[in-house]
Amino acid sequence: MKSNFIKEVNIINQKKNKITDFIGYEREAAIHDLISENFLRVKKNKFYSPLIMNLSLDNGMLEINIVDEKDQVLNINKSISGLKKIIQNYHLACSNYYDQIKNGSTENLQEVENLRRKIHNKGAEDLDFILKNDLEMDLNTSRRLFTLLYSLFI
């Protein structure tokens, strides 16, 4: 029986700003991929999969609410001040990548994609470090959560 996994992700957008089509696509793809394949273990108490995760960002605080199948709740609130620069760098790398695709410029596309991926991995590692006392996750889960954080921040 599969354990330590998320079955549902809900984004609570506090800003009420309309997100761009690109950000919307990134968010939906991350949610789909996260639900399809993930590993997430709550370190405190015994939580029972499947898990429901609610994510929001309010005044620089990442708020994660996890509910397990027995209705146990874990609320995690972490400052993302240490991630702001990497989120901004990731946004610039994504914008550059998609501008090149949109304009049909393939000259440096692989180089730009490699840089975007490197920044994405660093952001995922930094997010994992921030959450390490509360959650254990694999790299792909962390990458997808970083994408969702990015979609809330931008």
C-alpha atoms as a PDB file:
ATOM      1  CA  MET A   1       0.000   0.000   0.000  1.00  0.00           C
ATOM      2  CA  LYS A   2       1.340   3.400  -0.973  1.00  0.00           C
ATOM      3  CA  SER A   3       2.211   5.681   1.930  1.00  0.00           C
ATOM      4  CA  ASN A   4       3.561   9.191   2.464  1.00  0.00           C
ATOM      5  CA  PHE A   5       1.860  10.840  -0.477  1.00  0.00           C
ATOM      6  CA  ILE A   6      -0.273  13.843  -1.369  1.00  0.00           C
ATOM      7  CA  LYS A   7      -3.579  13.171  -3.126  1.00  0.00           C
ATOM      8  CA  GLU A   8      -4.827  16.757  -3.399  1.00  0.00           C
ATOM      9  CA  VAL A   9      -3.268  20.225  -3.536  1.00  0.00           C
ATOM     10  CA  ASN A  10      -5.217  23.429  -3.062  1.00  0.00           C
ATOM     11  CA  ILE A  11      -3.808  26.885  -3.703  1.00  0.00           C
ATOM     12  CA  ILE A  12      -5.220  29.665  -1.583  1.00  0.00           C
ATOM     13  CA  ASN A  13      -4.328  32.887  -3.367  1.00  0.00           C
ATOM     14  CA  GLN A  14      -4.332  35.698  -0.810  1.00  0.00           C
ATOM     15  CA  LYS A  15      -3.418  38.429  -3.314  1.00  0.00           C
ATOM     16  CA  LYS A  16      -6.492  38.037  -5.512  1.00  0.00           C
ATOM     17  CA  ASN A  17      -4.395  39.321  -8.412  1.00  0.00           C
ATOM     18  CA  LYS A  18      -5.036  37.711 -11.750  1.00  0.00           C
ATOM     19  CA  ILE A  19      -2.143  35.472 -12.682  1.00  0.00           C
ATOM     20  CA  THR A  20      -0.735  35.337 -16.194  1.00  0.00           C
ATOM     21  CA  ASP A  21      -1.495  32.436 -18.508  1.00  0.00           C
ATOM     22  CA  PHE A  22       2.118  31.306 -18.161  1.00  0.00           C
ATOM     23  CA  ILE A  23       1.961  31.265 -14.331  1.00  0.00           C
ATOM     24  CA  GLY A  24      -1.427  29.527 -14.488  1.00  0.00           C
ATOM     25  CA  TYR A  25       0.005  26.849 -16.767  1.00  0.00           C
ATOM     26  CA  GLU A  26       3.056  26.352 -14.515  1.00  0.00           C
ATOM     27  CA  ARG A  27       0.789  26.065 -11.465  1.00  0.00           C
ATOM     28  CA  GLU A  28      -1.569  23.548 -13.077  1.00  0.00           C
ATOM     29  CA  ALA A  29       1.316  21.453 -14.434  1.00  0.00           C
ATOM     30  CA  ALA A  30       3.015  21.408 -11.008  1.00  0.00           C
ATOM     31  CA  ILE A  31      -0.215  20.341  -9.279  1.00  0.00           C
ATOM     32  CA  HIS A  32      -0.853  17.615 -11.850  1.00  0.00           C
ATOM     33  CA  ASP A  33       2.709  16.296 -11.654  1.00  0.00           C
ATOM     34  CA  LEU A  34       2.751  16.536  -7.857  1.00  0.00           C
ATOM     35  CA  ILE A  35      -0.447  14.529  -7.463  1.00  0.00           C
ATOM     36  CA  SER A  36       0.725  11.983 -10.037  1.00  0.00           C
ATOM     37  CA  GLU A  37       4.025  11.266  -8.295  1.00  0.00           C
ATOM     38  CA  ASN A  38       5.267  12.496  -4.934  1.00  0.00           C
ATOM     39  CA  PHE A  39       6.799  11.514  -1.642  1.00  0.00           C
ATOM     40  CA  LEU A  40       6.019  13.581   1.440  1.00  0.00           C
ATOM     41  CA  ARG A  41       6.406  12.422   5.015  1.00  0.00           C
ATOM     42  CA  VAL A  42       5.297  14.473   8.000  1.00  0.00           C
ATOM     43  CA  LYS A  43       8.051  14.220  10.615  1.00  0.00           C
ATOM     44  CA  LYS A  44       5.937  15.154  13.636  1.00  0.00           C
ATOM     45  CA  ASN A  45       3.340  12.661  14.841  1.00  0.00           C
ATOM     46  CA  LYS A  46       2.068   9.825  12.696  1.00  0.00           C
ATOM     47  CA  PHE A  47       0.192  11.110   9.669  1.00  0.00           C
ATOM     48  CA  TYR A  48      -1.728   8.725   7.459  1.00  0.00           C
ATOM     49  CA  SER A  49      -1.773   8.986   3.692  1.00  0.00           C
ATOM     50  CA  PRO A  50      -3.302  10.118   1.508  1.00  0.00           C
ATOM     51  CA  LEU A  51      -2.662  13.750   2.445  1.00  0.00           C
ATOM     52  CA  ILE A  52      -4.392  16.945   1.407  1.00  0.00           C
ATOM     53  CA  MET A  53      -2.135  19.993   1.156  1.00  0.00           C
ATOM     54  CA  ASN A  54      -3.314  23.591   1.180  1.00  0.00           C
ATOM     55  CA  LEU A  55      -0.723  26.238   0.244  1.00  0.00           C
ATOM     56  CA  SER A  56      -0.865  29.988   0.620  1.00  0.00           C
ATOM     57  CA  LEU A  57       1.515  32.904   0.864  1.00  0.00           C
ATOM     58  CA  ASP A  58       0.689  35.825   3.122  1.00  0.00           C
ATOM     59  CA  ASN A  59       3.021  38.706   3.965  1.00  0.00           C
ATOM     60  CA  GLY A  60       6.153  36.724   3.132  1.00  0.00           C
ATOM     61  CA  MET A  61       5.029  33.661   5.073  1.00  0.00           C
ATOM     62  CA  LEU A  62       4.502  30.327   3.344  1.00  0.00           C
ATOM     63  CA  GLU A  63       1.528  28.674   4.984  1.00  0.00           C
ATOM     64  CA  ILE A  64       1.169  24.927   4.512  1.00  0.00           C
ATOM     65  CA  ASN A  65      -1.823  23.125   5.924  1.00  0.00           C
ATOM     66  CA  ILE A  66      -1.737  19.322   5.725  1.00  0.00           C
ATOM     67  CA  VAL A  67      -4.709  17.118   6.554  1.00  0.00           C
ATOM     68  CA  ASP A  68      -4.399  13.336   6.689  1.00  0.00           C
ATOM     69  CA  GLU A  69      -7.032  10.645   6.171  1.00  0.00           C
ATOM     70  CA  LYS A  70      -7.865  10.687   9.912  1.00  0.00           C
ATOM     71  CA  ASP A  71      -8.425  14.473   9.828  1.00  0.00           C
ATOM     72  CA  GLN A  72      -5.252  15.251  11.743  1.00  0.00           C
ATOM     73  CA  VAL A  73      -4.011  18.727  10.825  1.00  0.00           C
ATOM     74  CA  LEU A  74      -0.499  20.109  10.625  1.00  0.00           C
ATOM     75  CA  ASN A  75      -0.012  23.830  10.055  1.00  0.00           C
ATOM     76  CA  ILE A  76       3.435  24.997   8.970  1.00  0.00           C
ATOM     77  CA  ASN A  77       4.299  28.686   8.678  1.00  0.00           C
ATOM     78  CA  LYS A  78       7.732  29.572   7.346  1.00  0.00           C
ATOM     79  CA  SER A  79       9.281  32.821   6.218  1.00  0.00           C
ATOM     80  CA  ILE A  80      10.379  32.810   2.591  1.00  0.00           C
ATOM     81  CA  SER A  81      12.652  35.829   2.954  1.00  0.00           C
ATOM     82  CA  GLY A  82      15.643  33.599   2.172  1.00  0.00           C
ATOM     83  CA  LEU A  83      13.975  32.426  -1.058  1.00  0.00           C
ATOM     84  CA  LYS A  84      12.920  35.768  -2.538  1.00  0.00           C
ATOM     85  CA  LYS A  85      16.086  36.295  -4.576  1.00  0.00           C
ATOM     86  CA  ILE A  86      16.079  32.794  -6.050  1.00  0.00           C
ATOM     87  CA  ILE A  87      12.357  33.099  -6.878  1.00  0.00           C
ATOM     88  CA  GLN A  88      13.078  36.361  -8.704  1.00  0.00           C
ATOM     89  CA  ASN A  89      16.027  34.765 -10.536  1.00  0.00           C
ATOM     90  CA  TYR A  90      13.833  31.821 -11.479  1.00  0.00           C
ATOM     91  CA  HIS A  91      11.187  34.198 -12.831  1.00  0.00           C
ATOM     92  CA  LEU A  92      13.779  35.977 -14.981  1.00  0.00           C
ATOM     93  CA  ALA A  93      15.115  32.653 -16.284  1.00  0.00           C
ATOM     94  CA  CYS A  94      11.587  31.414 -17.107  1.00  0.00           C
ATOM     95  CA  SER A  95      10.693  34.690 -18.809  1.00  0.00           C
ATOM     96  CA  ASN A  96      13.886  34.580 -20.871  1.00  0.00           C
ATOM     97  CA  TYR A  97      13.271  30.949 -21.830  1.00  0.00           C
ATOM     98  CA  TYR A  98       9.680  31.497 -22.919  1.00  0.00           C
ATOM     99  CA  ASP A  99      10.518  34.751 -24.731  1.00  0.00           C
ATOM    100  CA  GLN A 100      13.104  32.879 -26.771  1.00  0.00           C
ATOM    101  CA  ILE A 101      10.588  30.161 -27.638  1.00  0.00           C
ATOM    102  CA  LYS A 102       7.899  32.714 -28.491  1.00  0.00           C
ATOM    103  CA  ASN A 103      10.291  34.639 -30.737  1.00  0.00           C
ATOM    104  CA  GLY A 104      11.576  31.486 -32.427  1.00  0.00           C
ATOM    105  CA  SER A 105      15.129  32.095 -31.218  1.00  0.00           C
ATOM    106  CA  THR A 106      16.828  28.765 -30.592  1.00  0.00           C
ATOM    107  CA  GLU A 107      20.421  29.964 -30.602  1.00  0.00           C
ATOM    108  CA  ASN A 108      21.009  29.802 -26.839  1.00  0.00           C
ATOM    109  CA  LEU A 109      17.858  27.930 -25.879  1.00  0.00           C
ATOM    110  CA  GLN A 110      19.600  24.910 -24.343  1.00  0.00           C
ATOM    111  CA  GLU A 111      21.911  27.156 -22.333  1.00  0.00           C
ATOM    112  CA  VAL A 112      18.958  29.206 -21.054  1.00  0.00           C
ATOM    113  CA  GLU A 113      17.027  26.007 -20.198  1.00  0.00           C
ATOM    114  CA  ASN A 114      20.026  24.603 -18.320  1.00  0.00           C
ATOM    115  CA  LEU A 115      20.295  27.808 -16.286  1.00  0.00           C
ATOM    116  CA  ARG A 116      16.536  27.771 -15.559  1.00  0.00           C
ATOM    117  CA  ARG A 117      16.747  24.144 -14.415  1.00  0.00           C
ATOM    118  CA  LYS A 118      19.802  24.871 -12.225  1.00  0.00           C
ATOM    119  CA  ILE A 119      17.988  27.772 -10.518  1.00  0.00           C
ATOM    120  CA  HIS A 120      14.875  25.606 -10.117  1.00  0.00           C
ATOM    121  CA  ASN A 121      16.900  22.833  -8.450  1.00  0.00           C
ATOM    122  CA  LYS A 122      18.587  25.334  -6.113  1.00  0.00           C
ATOM    123  CA  GLY A 123      15.194  26.800  -5.170  1.00  0.00           C
ATOM    124  CA  ALA A 124      13.855  23.301  -4.480  1.00  0.00           C
ATOM    125  CA  GLU A 125      16.876  22.467  -2.319  1.00  0.00           C
ATOM    126  CA  ASP A 126      16.518  25.726  -0.371  1.00  0.00           C
ATOM    127  CA  LEU A 127      12.786  25.114   0.149  1.00  0.00           C
ATOM    128  CA  ASP A 128      13.532  21.577   1.320  1.00  0.00           C
ATOM    129  CA  PHE A 129      16.059  23.005   3.811  1.00  0.00           C
ATOM    130  CA  ILE A 130      13.461  25.464   5.176  1.00  0.00           C
ATOM    131  CA  LEU A 131      10.931  22.660   5.642  1.00  0.00           C
ATOM    132  CA  LYS A 132      13.332  19.918   6.790  1.00  0.00           C
ATOM    133  CA  ASN A 133      12.271  20.000  10.461  1.00  0.00           C
ATOM    134  CA  ASP A 134       8.635  19.392   9.521  1.00  0.00           C
ATOM    135  CA  LEU A 135       8.614  17.456   6.243  1.00  0.00           C
ATOM    136  CA  GLU A 136      10.688  14.938   4.353  1.00  0.00           C
ATOM    137  CA  MET A 137      10.295  14.898   0.570  1.00  0.00           C
ATOM    138  CA  ASP A 138      12.071  13.774  -2.556  1.00  0.00           C
ATOM    139  CA  LEU A 139      13.626  16.190  -5.055  1.00  0.00           C
ATOM    140  CA  ASN A 140      10.746  16.060  -7.547  1.00  0.00           C
ATOM    141  CA  THR A 141       8.209  16.847  -4.817  1.00  0.00           C
ATOM    142  CA  SER A 142      10.375  19.737  -3.644  1.00  0.00           C
ATOM    143  CA  ARG A 143      10.740  21.037  -7.220  1.00  0.00           C
ATOM    144  CA  ARG A 144       6.980  21.016  -7.717  1.00  0.00           C
ATOM    145  CA  LEU A 145       6.369  22.729  -4.379  1.00  0.00           C
ATOM    146  CA  PHE A 146       8.929  25.373  -5.345  1.00  0.00           C
ATOM    147  CA  THR A 147       7.017  25.932  -8.597  1.00  0.00           C
ATOM    148  CA  LEU A 148       3.799  26.386  -6.608  1.00  0.00           C
ATOM    149  CA  LEU A 149       5.535  28.799  -4.233  1.00  0.00           C
ATOM    150  CA  TYR A 150       6.820  30.694  -7.275  1.00  0.00           C
ATOM    151  CA  SER A 151       3.282  30.858  -8.686  1.00  0.00           C
ATOM    152  CA  LEU A 152       2.040  32.375  -5.422  1.00  0.00           C
ATOM    153  CA  PHE A 153       4.923  34.827  -5.115  1.00  0.00           C
ATOM    154  CA  ILE A 154       4.937  36.305  -8.625  1.00  0.00           C
END
